[in-house]
């Protein structure tokens, strides 16, 4: 259960995390409004099969967990998060086809300053739980970008446009694969979509997304 004390974060903290409610869209994982309109699917390219997240952000508790992972010197929080991500439900074809986890890469200078990539820590903790390999080497960020936090959706798209490529030495190994992209938070999908576009251009057949947090849309506020 999520309210049991385990790992670096206590059960009381996990009990306060705002989980995404059910029912959810079978494709994008967004909680489905009563009228049936799904705001999440419109964010995904056609070659993205599914997306799943554990909880809403921003929120006092879940945002503090993400900050602990990224900024406060608690990279071990990724293991606690992976325990929750492991239990997310997926379409049967995703469970059958997922071939590798690919973390969203940081710019080299940002990774040097932080000492690690939080998405890679999440993926590394999740990979053995799912029994699929981690392929951090297949995707690279070829230019630095400014923080997406204060940008509009249009600015986010422009900010990450062309920022990622499939690593040339490994691109041939991706052909026909269903890859799961991993990041800490899904907001507009701009960064994950830019990564997915790069992998698809290199020959990957399908992508899915998994993140710890998901930003609320206007329909959720």
N, C-alpha and C. Protein backbone atom coordinates (compact mmCIF):
# COMPACT_ATOMS: atom_id res chain seq x y z
N UNK A 1 0.85 -1.20 0.00
CA UNK A 1 0.00 0.00 0.00
C UNK A 1 0.88 1.25 0.00
N UNK A 2 0.35 2.36 -0.57
CA UNK A 2 1.15 3.57 -0.71
C UNK A 2 1.33 4.32 0.59
N UNK A 3 0.54 4.01 1.64
CA UNK A 3 0.69 4.74 2.89
C UNK A 3 1.56 3.99 3.89
N UNK A 4 2.22 2.92 3.48
CA UNK A 4 3.13 2.19 4.34
C UNK A 4 4.51 2.84 4.27
N UNK A 5 5.14 3.00 5.44
CA UNK A 5 6.49 3.57 5.46
C UNK A 5 7.46 2.64 4.75
N UNK A 6 8.15 3.17 3.77
CA UNK A 6 9.18 2.39 3.08
C UNK A 6 10.10 3.36 2.36
N UNK A 7 11.34 2.99 2.24
CA UNK A 7 12.28 3.82 1.50
C UNK A 7 12.61 5.12 2.21
N UNK A 8 12.94 6.15 1.44
CA UNK A 8 13.38 7.43 1.99
C UNK A 8 12.22 8.31 2.42
N UNK A 9 11.03 8.07 1.86
CA UNK A 9 9.87 8.92 2.12
C UNK A 9 8.85 8.16 2.96
N UNK A 10 8.27 8.83 3.93
CA UNK A 10 7.38 8.15 4.87
C UNK A 10 5.99 7.94 4.29
N UNK A 11 5.26 7.03 4.93
CA UNK A 11 3.91 6.72 4.49
C UNK A 11 2.96 7.90 4.57
N UNK A 12 3.15 8.76 5.56
CA UNK A 12 2.29 9.94 5.67
C UNK A 12 2.45 10.85 4.46
N UNK A 13 3.69 10.99 3.99
CA UNK A 13 3.91 11.81 2.79
C UNK A 13 3.19 11.19 1.59
N UNK A 14 3.35 9.89 1.40
CA UNK A 14 2.72 9.25 0.26
C UNK A 14 1.20 9.33 0.33
N UNK A 15 0.65 9.30 1.54
CA UNK A 15 -0.80 9.39 1.69
C UNK A 15 -1.33 10.76 1.26
N UNK A 16 -0.46 11.78 1.27
CA UNK A 16 -0.89 13.13 0.87
C UNK A 16 -0.68 13.42 -0.61
N UNK A 17 -0.06 12.50 -1.33
CA UNK A 17 0.20 12.74 -2.75
C UNK A 17 -1.11 12.67 -3.53
N UNK A 18 -1.38 13.66 -4.39
CA UNK A 18 -2.64 13.68 -5.15
C UNK A 18 -2.58 12.75 -6.36
N UNK A 19 -3.01 11.52 -6.19
CA UNK A 19 -2.99 10.53 -7.26
C UNK A 19 -3.93 10.93 -8.40
N UNK A 20 -3.59 10.55 -9.62
CA UNK A 20 -4.53 10.69 -10.73
C UNK A 20 -5.69 9.74 -10.49
N UNK A 21 -6.89 10.26 -10.56
CA UNK A 21 -8.06 9.44 -10.27
C UNK A 21 -8.44 8.58 -11.47
N UNK A 22 -9.31 7.63 -11.21
CA UNK A 22 -9.88 6.78 -12.25
C UNK A 22 -11.36 7.12 -12.41
N UNK A 23 -11.95 6.86 -13.59
CA UNK A 23 -11.37 6.20 -14.76
C UNK A 23 -10.38 7.10 -15.51
N UNK A 24 -9.47 6.48 -16.25
CA UNK A 24 -8.48 7.20 -17.03
C UNK A 24 -8.59 6.80 -18.50
N UNK A 25 -8.16 7.72 -19.35
CA UNK A 25 -8.09 7.41 -20.78
C UNK A 25 -7.13 6.24 -20.98
N UNK A 26 -7.55 5.25 -21.76
CA UNK A 26 -6.72 4.07 -21.98
C UNK A 26 -5.44 4.41 -22.73
N UNK A 27 -5.45 5.50 -23.50
CA UNK A 27 -4.24 5.86 -24.24
C UNK A 27 -3.35 6.79 -23.43
N UNK A 28 -3.83 7.99 -23.08
CA UNK A 28 -2.95 8.98 -22.49
C UNK A 28 -2.91 8.94 -20.98
N UNK A 29 -3.79 8.18 -20.35
CA UNK A 29 -3.77 8.06 -18.91
C UNK A 29 -4.35 9.23 -18.16
N UNK A 30 -4.93 10.19 -18.89
CA UNK A 30 -5.52 11.35 -18.23
C UNK A 30 -6.88 10.96 -17.64
N UNK A 31 -7.17 11.41 -16.41
CA UNK A 31 -8.50 11.15 -15.86
C UNK A 31 -9.58 11.66 -16.79
N UNK A 32 -10.51 10.81 -17.13
CA UNK A 32 -11.51 11.12 -18.15
C UNK A 32 -12.67 11.90 -17.54
N UNK A 33 -12.95 13.11 -18.03
CA UNK A 33 -14.09 13.87 -17.52
C UNK A 33 -15.40 13.14 -17.82
N UNK A 34 -16.47 13.45 -17.05
CA UNK A 34 -17.76 12.78 -17.27
C UNK A 34 -18.29 12.91 -18.68
N UNK A 35 -18.01 14.03 -19.35
CA UNK A 35 -18.53 14.22 -20.69
C UNK A 35 -17.73 13.44 -21.74
N UNK A 36 -16.64 12.80 -21.32
CA UNK A 36 -15.92 11.91 -22.22
C UNK A 36 -14.83 12.56 -23.05
N UNK A 37 -14.69 13.90 -22.99
CA UNK A 37 -13.63 14.55 -23.76
C UNK A 37 -12.29 14.33 -23.07
N UNK A 38 -11.29 13.94 -23.82
CA UNK A 38 -9.97 13.68 -23.24
C UNK A 38 -9.00 14.76 -23.69
N UNK A 39 -8.54 15.63 -22.78
CA UNK A 39 -7.62 16.69 -23.17
C UNK A 39 -6.19 16.21 -23.37
N UNK A 40 -5.87 15.00 -22.90
CA UNK A 40 -4.49 14.54 -22.95
C UNK A 40 -4.06 13.99 -24.28
N UNK A 41 -4.97 13.31 -24.98
CA UNK A 41 -4.58 12.65 -26.23
C UNK A 41 -4.15 13.64 -27.31
N UNK A 42 -4.74 14.84 -27.27
CA UNK A 42 -4.39 15.84 -28.29
C UNK A 42 -2.93 16.26 -28.21
N UNK A 43 -2.28 16.03 -27.06
CA UNK A 43 -0.87 16.42 -26.90
C UNK A 43 0.09 15.42 -27.52
N UNK A 44 -0.39 14.21 -27.86
CA UNK A 44 0.51 13.13 -28.24
C UNK A 44 0.60 12.96 -29.75
N UNK A 45 1.80 12.79 -30.30
CA UNK A 45 1.94 12.43 -31.72
C UNK A 45 1.29 11.08 -31.99
N UNK A 46 0.93 10.81 -33.25
CA UNK A 46 0.23 9.55 -33.55
C UNK A 46 1.05 8.30 -33.26
N UNK A 47 2.37 8.40 -33.26
CA UNK A 47 3.19 7.21 -33.00
C UNK A 47 3.46 6.99 -31.51
N UNK A 48 2.86 7.82 -30.64
CA UNK A 48 2.94 7.59 -29.20
C UNK A 48 1.73 6.76 -28.78
N UNK A 49 1.99 5.58 -28.28
CA UNK A 49 0.91 4.63 -27.97
C UNK A 49 0.19 4.96 -26.68
N UNK A 50 0.94 5.28 -25.61
CA UNK A 50 0.31 5.47 -24.31
C UNK A 50 1.19 6.35 -23.44
N UNK A 51 0.56 6.94 -22.42
CA UNK A 51 1.29 7.74 -21.43
C UNK A 51 0.67 7.48 -20.07
N UNK A 52 1.54 7.40 -19.07
CA UNK A 52 1.07 7.16 -17.71
C UNK A 52 1.87 8.01 -16.73
N UNK A 53 1.18 8.50 -15.69
CA UNK A 53 1.81 9.27 -14.62
C UNK A 53 1.20 8.84 -13.30
N UNK A 54 1.94 9.08 -12.22
CA UNK A 54 1.47 8.65 -10.91
C UNK A 54 0.60 9.68 -10.22
N UNK A 55 0.97 10.97 -10.30
CA UNK A 55 0.28 11.97 -9.48
C UNK A 55 0.29 13.33 -10.17
N UNK A 56 -0.49 14.24 -9.57
CA UNK A 56 -0.56 15.61 -10.08
C UNK A 56 0.58 16.46 -9.51
N UNK A 57 1.05 17.39 -10.31
CA UNK A 57 1.92 18.48 -9.87
C UNK A 57 1.43 19.74 -10.61
N UNK A 58 1.64 20.94 -10.05
CA UNK A 58 2.24 21.18 -8.75
C UNK A 58 1.29 20.87 -7.60
N UNK A 59 1.87 20.51 -6.49
CA UNK A 59 1.16 20.21 -5.26
C UNK A 59 2.22 20.24 -4.16
N UNK A 60 1.84 20.62 -2.96
CA UNK A 60 2.82 20.77 -1.90
C UNK A 60 3.66 19.51 -1.70
N UNK A 61 3.01 18.36 -1.67
CA UNK A 61 3.74 17.13 -1.36
C UNK A 61 4.45 16.57 -2.58
N UNK A 62 3.74 16.39 -3.69
CA UNK A 62 4.38 15.79 -4.86
C UNK A 62 5.47 16.70 -5.43
N UNK A 63 5.27 18.01 -5.40
CA UNK A 63 6.30 18.93 -5.88
C UNK A 63 7.53 18.88 -4.98
N UNK A 64 7.33 18.71 -3.68
CA UNK A 64 8.46 18.59 -2.77
C UNK A 64 9.25 17.32 -3.06
N UNK A 65 8.56 16.25 -3.43
CA UNK A 65 9.25 15.01 -3.78
C UNK A 65 10.09 15.19 -5.04
N UNK A 66 9.53 15.84 -6.04
CA UNK A 66 10.29 16.08 -7.27
C UNK A 66 11.49 16.97 -6.98
N UNK A 67 11.30 18.01 -6.16
CA UNK A 67 12.40 18.90 -5.81
C UNK A 67 13.48 18.16 -5.02
N UNK A 68 13.07 17.24 -4.15
CA UNK A 68 14.04 16.45 -3.40
C UNK A 68 14.91 15.62 -4.34
N UNK A 69 14.28 15.06 -5.36
CA UNK A 69 15.01 14.26 -6.34
C UNK A 69 15.96 15.12 -7.18
N UNK A 70 15.47 16.26 -7.67
CA UNK A 70 16.23 17.05 -8.64
C UNK A 70 17.24 18.00 -8.01
N UNK A 71 16.87 18.62 -6.90
CA UNK A 71 17.65 19.75 -6.41
C UNK A 71 18.22 19.61 -5.00
N UNK A 72 17.64 18.73 -4.19
CA UNK A 72 17.97 18.73 -2.77
C UNK A 72 18.92 17.62 -2.34
N UNK A 73 19.55 16.95 -3.32
CA UNK A 73 20.52 15.95 -2.96
C UNK A 73 19.94 14.64 -2.48
N UNK A 74 18.73 14.30 -2.93
CA UNK A 74 18.09 13.05 -2.55
C UNK A 74 17.82 12.19 -3.79
N UNK A 75 18.80 11.84 -4.58
CA UNK A 75 18.53 11.03 -5.78
C UNK A 75 17.93 9.66 -5.47
N UNK A 76 18.12 9.17 -4.22
CA UNK A 76 17.52 7.90 -3.84
C UNK A 76 16.00 7.91 -3.83
N UNK A 77 15.40 9.11 -3.83
CA UNK A 77 13.94 9.20 -3.92
C UNK A 77 13.43 8.52 -5.18
N UNK A 78 14.27 8.44 -6.21
CA UNK A 78 13.87 7.78 -7.46
C UNK A 78 13.44 6.34 -7.22
N UNK A 79 14.05 5.66 -6.27
CA UNK A 79 13.67 4.27 -5.98
C UNK A 79 12.26 4.22 -5.42
N UNK A 80 11.93 5.13 -4.50
CA UNK A 80 10.57 5.19 -3.96
C UNK A 80 9.55 5.49 -5.05
N UNK A 81 9.90 6.42 -5.94
CA UNK A 81 9.00 6.76 -7.05
C UNK A 81 8.80 5.56 -7.97
N UNK A 82 9.89 4.83 -8.25
CA UNK A 82 9.80 3.68 -9.15
C UNK A 82 8.87 2.61 -8.61
N UNK A 83 8.81 2.46 -7.28
CA UNK A 83 7.88 1.50 -6.69
C UNK A 83 6.44 1.81 -7.08
N UNK A 84 6.14 3.10 -7.15
CA UNK A 84 4.77 3.51 -7.53
C UNK A 84 4.56 3.38 -9.03
N UNK A 85 5.55 3.78 -9.82
CA UNK A 85 5.43 3.68 -11.27
C UNK A 85 5.30 2.23 -11.72
N UNK A 86 5.92 1.32 -10.99
CA UNK A 86 5.85 -0.09 -11.35
C UNK A 86 4.41 -0.59 -11.38
N UNK A 87 3.56 -0.03 -10.54
CA UNK A 87 2.20 -0.54 -10.39
C UNK A 87 1.19 0.14 -11.31
N UNK A 88 1.62 1.07 -12.15
CA UNK A 88 0.70 1.70 -13.09
C UNK A 88 0.18 0.67 -14.09
N UNK A 89 -1.06 0.84 -14.51
CA UNK A 89 -1.66 -0.08 -15.47
C UNK A 89 -1.46 0.43 -16.89
N UNK A 90 -1.24 -0.52 -17.82
CA UNK A 90 -0.96 -0.20 -19.22
C UNK A 90 -1.80 -1.09 -20.13
N UNK A 91 -2.02 -0.64 -21.38
CA UNK A 91 -2.64 -1.54 -22.36
C UNK A 91 -1.79 -2.80 -22.54
N UNK A 92 -2.45 -3.89 -22.86
CA UNK A 92 -1.76 -5.18 -22.96
C UNK A 92 -0.65 -5.16 -24.00
N UNK A 93 -0.85 -4.43 -25.11
CA UNK A 93 0.19 -4.42 -26.13
C UNK A 93 1.44 -3.68 -25.67
N UNK A 94 1.29 -2.67 -24.80
CA UNK A 94 2.47 -1.97 -24.27
C UNK A 94 3.26 -2.92 -23.37
N UNK A 95 2.56 -3.65 -22.51
CA UNK A 95 3.24 -4.61 -21.63
C UNK A 95 3.96 -5.67 -22.44
N UNK A 96 3.36 -6.06 -23.55
CA UNK A 96 3.94 -7.12 -24.37
C UNK A 96 5.12 -6.62 -25.20
N UNK A 97 5.07 -5.39 -25.67
CA UNK A 97 6.03 -4.91 -26.66
C UNK A 97 7.17 -4.05 -26.11
N UNK A 98 7.02 -3.49 -24.92
CA UNK A 98 8.01 -2.52 -24.46
C UNK A 98 9.40 -3.16 -24.44
N UNK A 99 10.32 -2.52 -25.14
CA UNK A 99 11.64 -3.12 -25.36
C UNK A 99 12.73 -2.49 -24.52
N UNK A 100 12.56 -1.23 -24.11
CA UNK A 100 13.60 -0.56 -23.34
C UNK A 100 13.04 0.73 -22.75
N UNK A 101 13.66 1.18 -21.67
CA UNK A 101 13.38 2.47 -21.07
C UNK A 101 14.45 3.46 -21.52
N UNK A 102 14.02 4.64 -21.98
CA UNK A 102 14.94 5.67 -22.45
C UNK A 102 14.68 6.95 -21.66
N UNK A 103 15.62 7.36 -20.80
CA UNK A 103 15.42 8.59 -20.04
C UNK A 103 15.63 9.83 -20.90
N UNK A 104 14.86 10.86 -20.61
CA UNK A 104 15.07 12.15 -21.27
C UNK A 104 16.42 12.69 -20.82
N UNK A 105 17.33 12.99 -21.77
CA UNK A 105 18.68 13.44 -21.36
C UNK A 105 18.71 14.90 -20.94
N UNK A 106 19.61 15.19 -20.00
CA UNK A 106 19.90 16.56 -19.61
C UNK A 106 21.00 17.12 -20.52
N UNK A 107 21.07 18.44 -20.58
CA UNK A 107 22.24 19.06 -21.22
C UNK A 107 23.47 18.70 -20.41
N UNK A 108 24.61 18.45 -21.06
CA UNK A 108 25.81 18.02 -20.32
C UNK A 108 26.21 18.96 -19.19
N UNK A 109 26.13 20.27 -19.41
CA UNK A 109 26.54 21.19 -18.35
C UNK A 109 25.60 21.13 -17.16
N UNK A 110 24.29 20.92 -17.42
CA UNK A 110 23.34 20.80 -16.31
C UNK A 110 23.56 19.50 -15.55
N UNK A 111 23.86 18.42 -16.27
CA UNK A 111 24.11 17.16 -15.58
C UNK A 111 25.39 17.23 -14.75
N UNK A 112 26.41 17.93 -15.27
CA UNK A 112 27.65 18.08 -14.49
C UNK A 112 27.38 18.87 -13.21
N UNK A 113 26.57 19.92 -13.31
CA UNK A 113 26.27 20.74 -12.14
C UNK A 113 25.45 19.97 -11.11
N UNK A 114 24.48 19.18 -11.59
CA UNK A 114 23.60 18.44 -10.69
C UNK A 114 24.25 17.16 -10.20
N UNK A 115 25.11 16.59 -11.03
CA UNK A 115 25.78 15.35 -10.66
C UNK A 115 25.09 14.11 -11.15
N UNK A 116 23.90 14.23 -11.68
CA UNK A 116 23.13 13.09 -12.18
C UNK A 116 21.96 13.62 -12.98
N UNK A 117 21.32 12.71 -13.71
CA UNK A 117 20.11 13.01 -14.47
C UNK A 117 18.94 12.34 -13.74
N UNK A 118 17.99 13.14 -13.26
CA UNK A 118 16.89 12.58 -12.48
C UNK A 118 16.04 11.59 -13.29
N UNK A 119 15.88 11.84 -14.59
CA UNK A 119 15.11 10.91 -15.42
C UNK A 119 15.84 9.57 -15.54
N UNK A 120 17.17 9.63 -15.63
CA UNK A 120 17.94 8.39 -15.71
C UNK A 120 17.87 7.62 -14.40
N UNK A 121 17.88 8.32 -13.27
CA UNK A 121 17.74 7.64 -11.98
C UNK A 121 16.38 6.94 -11.89
N UNK A 122 15.34 7.62 -12.34
CA UNK A 122 14.01 6.99 -12.35
C UNK A 122 13.99 5.76 -13.25
N UNK A 123 14.54 5.89 -14.45
CA UNK A 123 14.54 4.78 -15.39
C UNK A 123 15.37 3.60 -14.87
N UNK A 124 16.52 3.91 -14.25
CA UNK A 124 17.38 2.85 -13.72
C UNK A 124 16.70 2.10 -12.58
N UNK A 125 15.90 2.81 -11.78
CA UNK A 125 15.18 2.15 -10.69
C UNK A 125 14.00 1.34 -11.19
N UNK A 126 13.40 1.78 -12.29
CA UNK A 126 12.21 1.11 -12.82
C UNK A 126 12.54 -0.07 -13.71
N UNK A 127 13.66 -0.01 -14.43
CA UNK A 127 13.99 -1.04 -15.41
C UNK A 127 14.00 -2.46 -14.83
N UNK A 128 14.67 -2.72 -13.71
CA UNK A 128 14.65 -4.09 -13.18
C UNK A 128 13.28 -4.51 -12.66
N UNK A 129 12.48 -3.56 -12.24
CA UNK A 129 11.13 -3.90 -11.76
C UNK A 129 10.23 -4.33 -12.92
N UNK A 130 10.45 -3.73 -14.07
CA UNK A 130 9.68 -4.11 -15.25
C UNK A 130 10.34 -5.23 -16.04
N UNK A 131 11.61 -5.49 -15.77
CA UNK A 131 12.32 -6.52 -16.51
C UNK A 131 12.64 -6.12 -17.94
N UNK A 132 12.90 -4.82 -18.15
CA UNK A 132 13.29 -4.33 -19.48
C UNK A 132 14.59 -3.55 -19.33
N UNK A 133 15.41 -3.48 -20.37
CA UNK A 133 16.70 -2.80 -20.25
C UNK A 133 16.58 -1.28 -20.25
N UNK A 134 17.59 -0.66 -19.67
CA UNK A 134 17.75 0.79 -19.72
C UNK A 134 18.66 1.13 -20.89
N UNK A 135 18.22 2.05 -21.77
CA UNK A 135 19.03 2.44 -22.94
C UNK A 135 19.26 3.95 -22.91
N UNK A 136 20.05 4.40 -21.97
CA UNK A 136 20.31 5.84 -21.86
C UNK A 136 21.20 6.36 -22.98
N UNK A 137 21.91 5.46 -23.67
CA UNK A 137 22.88 5.89 -24.67
C UNK A 137 22.27 6.19 -26.04
N UNK A 138 20.99 5.87 -26.24
CA UNK A 138 20.43 5.96 -27.59
C UNK A 138 19.88 7.34 -27.92
N UNK A 139 19.80 8.23 -26.93
CA UNK A 139 19.22 9.55 -27.15
C UNK A 139 20.14 10.59 -26.54
N UNK A 140 20.38 11.67 -27.27
CA UNK A 140 21.23 12.71 -26.72
C UNK A 140 20.65 14.09 -26.99
N UNK A 141 20.93 15.00 -26.08
CA UNK A 141 20.54 16.40 -26.23
C UNK A 141 21.69 17.12 -26.91
N UNK A 142 21.40 17.73 -28.05
CA UNK A 142 22.46 18.34 -28.85
C UNK A 142 22.59 19.84 -28.63
N UNK A 143 21.68 20.42 -27.90
CA UNK A 143 21.85 21.82 -27.52
C UNK A 143 21.13 22.06 -26.20
N UNK A 144 21.65 22.98 -25.43
CA UNK A 144 21.04 23.34 -24.15
C UNK A 144 19.76 24.13 -24.41
N UNK A 145 18.82 24.03 -23.49
CA UNK A 145 17.57 24.78 -23.57
C UNK A 145 17.35 25.48 -22.23
N UNK A 146 16.58 26.54 -22.27
CA UNK A 146 16.24 27.21 -21.01
C UNK A 146 15.19 26.39 -20.30
N UNK A 147 15.01 26.64 -19.01
CA UNK A 147 13.99 25.94 -18.24
C UNK A 147 12.61 26.17 -18.85
N UNK A 148 11.83 25.10 -18.90
CA UNK A 148 10.49 25.19 -19.48
C UNK A 148 9.47 25.76 -18.49
N UNK A 149 9.84 25.91 -17.24
CA UNK A 149 8.87 26.16 -16.18
C UNK A 149 7.99 27.38 -16.44
N UNK A 150 8.58 28.47 -16.91
CA UNK A 150 7.82 29.72 -17.05
C UNK A 150 7.42 30.02 -18.50
N UNK A 151 7.58 29.05 -19.38
CA UNK A 151 7.28 29.26 -20.79
C UNK A 151 5.84 28.91 -21.12
N UNK A 152 5.29 29.58 -22.14
CA UNK A 152 3.97 29.22 -22.65
C UNK A 152 4.09 27.93 -23.45
N UNK A 153 2.96 27.27 -23.76
CA UNK A 153 3.04 26.05 -24.58
C UNK A 153 3.77 26.26 -25.90
N UNK A 154 3.52 27.38 -26.58
CA UNK A 154 4.21 27.65 -27.84
C UNK A 154 5.70 27.86 -27.64
N UNK A 155 6.05 28.55 -26.58
CA UNK A 155 7.46 28.77 -26.28
C UNK A 155 8.16 27.47 -25.92
N UNK A 156 7.46 26.58 -25.24
CA UNK A 156 8.03 25.28 -24.91
C UNK A 156 8.37 24.49 -26.17
N UNK A 157 7.46 24.50 -27.14
CA UNK A 157 7.72 23.79 -28.40
C UNK A 157 8.95 24.34 -29.09
N UNK A 158 9.04 25.67 -29.18
CA UNK A 158 10.19 26.28 -29.84
C UNK A 158 11.48 26.02 -29.08
N UNK A 159 11.39 25.99 -27.77
CA UNK A 159 12.57 25.82 -26.93
C UNK A 159 13.25 24.46 -27.15
N UNK A 160 12.44 23.41 -27.34
CA UNK A 160 13.03 22.06 -27.46
C UNK A 160 13.09 21.58 -28.91
N UNK A 161 12.64 22.40 -29.85
CA UNK A 161 12.66 21.97 -31.25
C UNK A 161 14.10 21.69 -31.69
N UNK A 162 14.35 20.47 -32.17
CA UNK A 162 15.67 20.10 -32.64
C UNK A 162 16.71 19.92 -31.56
N UNK A 163 16.26 19.85 -30.28
CA UNK A 163 17.22 19.76 -29.18
C UNK A 163 17.72 18.34 -28.94
N UNK A 164 17.06 17.33 -29.54
CA UNK A 164 17.42 15.93 -29.30
C UNK A 164 17.63 15.19 -30.61
N UNK A 165 18.55 14.22 -30.58
CA UNK A 165 18.71 13.32 -31.71
C UNK A 165 18.96 11.91 -31.17
N UNK A 166 18.61 10.92 -31.98
CA UNK A 166 19.04 9.56 -31.67
C UNK A 166 20.54 9.48 -31.91
N UNK A 167 21.26 8.92 -30.96
CA UNK A 167 22.71 8.82 -31.07
C UNK A 167 23.08 8.03 -32.33
N UNK A 168 23.82 8.62 -33.26
CA UNK A 168 24.07 7.95 -34.55
C UNK A 168 24.64 6.54 -34.41
N UNK A 169 25.51 6.33 -33.44
CA UNK A 169 26.13 5.01 -33.30
C UNK A 169 25.15 3.93 -32.87
N UNK A 170 24.00 4.34 -32.32
CA UNK A 170 23.05 3.37 -31.80
C UNK A 170 21.71 3.40 -32.53
N UNK A 171 21.54 4.33 -33.46
CA UNK A 171 20.24 4.51 -34.11
C UNK A 171 19.75 3.23 -34.78
N UNK A 172 20.64 2.49 -35.41
CA UNK A 172 20.23 1.28 -36.13
C UNK A 172 19.63 0.23 -35.21
N UNK A 173 19.99 0.26 -33.92
CA UNK A 173 19.48 -0.74 -32.97
C UNK A 173 18.04 -0.46 -32.55
N UNK A 174 17.51 0.70 -32.92
CA UNK A 174 16.17 1.09 -32.48
C UNK A 174 15.07 0.66 -33.43
N UNK A 175 15.42 0.19 -34.60
CA UNK A 175 14.41 -0.05 -35.64
C UNK A 175 13.36 -1.05 -35.18
N UNK A 176 12.11 -0.62 -35.31
CA UNK A 176 10.98 -1.48 -34.99
C UNK A 176 10.65 -1.58 -33.52
N UNK A 177 11.38 -0.88 -32.66
CA UNK A 177 11.18 -1.03 -31.22
C UNK A 177 10.02 -0.18 -30.69
N UNK A 178 9.43 -0.65 -29.61
CA UNK A 178 8.50 0.14 -28.79
C UNK A 178 9.28 0.58 -27.55
N UNK A 179 9.58 1.87 -27.46
CA UNK A 179 10.42 2.42 -26.40
C UNK A 179 9.57 3.21 -25.41
N UNK A 180 9.94 3.13 -24.13
CA UNK A 180 9.26 3.88 -23.09
C UNK A 180 10.16 5.04 -22.67
N UNK A 181 9.73 6.26 -22.95
CA UNK A 181 10.48 7.45 -22.53
C UNK A 181 10.13 7.77 -21.08
N UNK A 182 11.15 8.13 -20.30
CA UNK A 182 10.98 8.37 -18.86
C UNK A 182 11.39 9.80 -18.53
N UNK A 183 10.54 10.49 -17.76
CA UNK A 183 10.89 11.82 -17.25
C UNK A 183 10.23 12.00 -15.89
N UNK A 184 10.60 13.08 -15.20
CA UNK A 184 10.02 13.29 -13.87
C UNK A 184 8.60 13.84 -13.95
N UNK A 185 8.35 14.79 -14.89
CA UNK A 185 7.04 15.44 -14.97
C UNK A 185 6.63 15.61 -16.43
N UNK A 186 5.36 15.37 -16.70
CA UNK A 186 4.75 15.66 -18.00
C UNK A 186 3.90 16.92 -17.85
N UNK A 187 4.24 17.96 -18.62
CA UNK A 187 3.46 19.20 -18.55
C UNK A 187 2.66 19.35 -19.86
N UNK A 188 3.25 19.96 -20.86
CA UNK A 188 2.57 20.05 -22.16
C UNK A 188 2.95 18.89 -23.07
N UNK A 189 3.99 18.15 -22.69
CA UNK A 189 4.48 17.07 -23.54
C UNK A 189 5.53 17.52 -24.53
N UNK A 190 5.91 18.79 -24.52
CA UNK A 190 6.83 19.30 -25.54
C UNK A 190 8.17 18.57 -25.52
N UNK A 191 8.76 18.39 -24.34
CA UNK A 191 10.07 17.74 -24.25
C UNK A 191 9.98 16.28 -24.64
N UNK A 192 9.02 15.56 -24.08
CA UNK A 192 8.86 14.15 -24.40
C UNK A 192 8.54 13.96 -25.88
N UNK A 193 7.72 14.83 -26.44
CA UNK A 193 7.39 14.72 -27.86
C UNK A 193 8.63 14.97 -28.74
N UNK A 194 9.47 15.92 -28.34
CA UNK A 194 10.70 16.18 -29.10
C UNK A 194 11.61 14.96 -29.08
N UNK A 195 11.69 14.31 -27.93
CA UNK A 195 12.48 13.07 -27.83
C UNK A 195 11.87 11.97 -28.68
N UNK A 196 10.56 11.83 -28.60
CA UNK A 196 9.88 10.79 -29.38
C UNK A 196 10.06 11.02 -30.87
N UNK A 197 9.99 12.26 -31.30
CA UNK A 197 10.20 12.57 -32.72
C UNK A 197 11.59 12.15 -33.18
N UNK A 198 12.59 12.39 -32.35
CA UNK A 198 13.96 12.02 -32.71
C UNK A 198 14.11 10.51 -32.82
N UNK A 199 13.52 9.78 -31.89
CA UNK A 199 13.61 8.32 -31.92
C UNK A 199 12.81 7.73 -33.08
N UNK A 200 11.66 8.31 -33.36
CA UNK A 200 10.84 7.84 -34.48
C UNK A 200 11.56 8.08 -35.80
N UNK A 201 12.21 9.23 -35.93
CA UNK A 201 12.97 9.53 -37.14
C UNK A 201 14.12 8.55 -37.35
N UNK A 202 14.62 7.99 -36.24
CA UNK A 202 15.72 7.03 -36.33
C UNK A 202 15.25 5.61 -36.59
N UNK A 203 13.93 5.39 -36.59
CA UNK A 203 13.43 4.07 -36.93
C UNK A 203 12.66 3.35 -35.85
N UNK A 204 12.60 3.91 -34.62
CA UNK A 204 11.76 3.30 -33.60
C UNK A 204 10.31 3.32 -34.08
N UNK A 205 9.58 2.25 -33.80
CA UNK A 205 8.21 2.13 -34.31
C UNK A 205 7.19 2.87 -33.46
N UNK A 206 7.32 2.77 -32.15
CA UNK A 206 6.33 3.30 -31.23
C UNK A 206 7.02 3.78 -29.97
N UNK A 207 6.45 4.82 -29.36
CA UNK A 207 6.90 5.29 -28.06
C UNK A 207 5.74 5.33 -27.09
N UNK A 208 6.03 5.16 -25.81
CA UNK A 208 5.11 5.46 -24.73
C UNK A 208 5.85 6.29 -23.70
N UNK A 209 5.10 6.99 -22.82
CA UNK A 209 5.71 7.87 -21.84
C UNK A 209 5.33 7.42 -20.43
N UNK A 210 6.29 7.51 -19.51
CA UNK A 210 5.98 7.33 -18.09
C UNK A 210 6.67 8.43 -17.30
N UNK A 211 5.91 9.10 -16.44
CA UNK A 211 6.45 10.16 -15.59
C UNK A 211 5.89 10.01 -14.19
N UNK A 212 6.61 10.55 -13.23
CA UNK A 212 6.09 10.54 -11.86
C UNK A 212 4.93 11.53 -11.74
N UNK A 213 5.14 12.77 -12.18
CA UNK A 213 4.12 13.80 -12.06
C UNK A 213 3.51 14.19 -13.39
N UNK A 214 2.32 14.76 -13.30
CA UNK A 214 1.65 15.30 -14.49
C UNK A 214 0.99 16.62 -14.11
N UNK A 215 1.19 17.64 -14.95
CA UNK A 215 0.59 18.94 -14.69
C UNK A 215 -0.88 18.92 -15.07
N UNK A 216 -1.68 19.58 -14.29
CA UNK A 216 -3.12 19.69 -14.57
C UNK A 216 -3.34 20.58 -15.79
N UNK A 217 -4.31 20.20 -16.60
CA UNK A 217 -4.74 21.08 -17.69
C UNK A 217 -5.84 22.01 -17.18
N UNK A 218 -6.32 22.90 -18.04
CA UNK A 218 -7.40 23.80 -17.62
C UNK A 218 -8.66 23.03 -17.27
N UNK A 219 -8.82 21.82 -17.83
CA UNK A 219 -10.00 21.00 -17.53
C UNK A 219 -9.94 20.43 -16.12
N UNK A 220 -8.75 20.41 -15.52
CA UNK A 220 -8.57 19.76 -14.21
C UNK A 220 -8.56 20.76 -13.07
N UNK A 221 -8.66 22.06 -13.37
CA UNK A 221 -8.52 23.07 -12.32
C UNK A 221 -9.89 23.54 -11.85
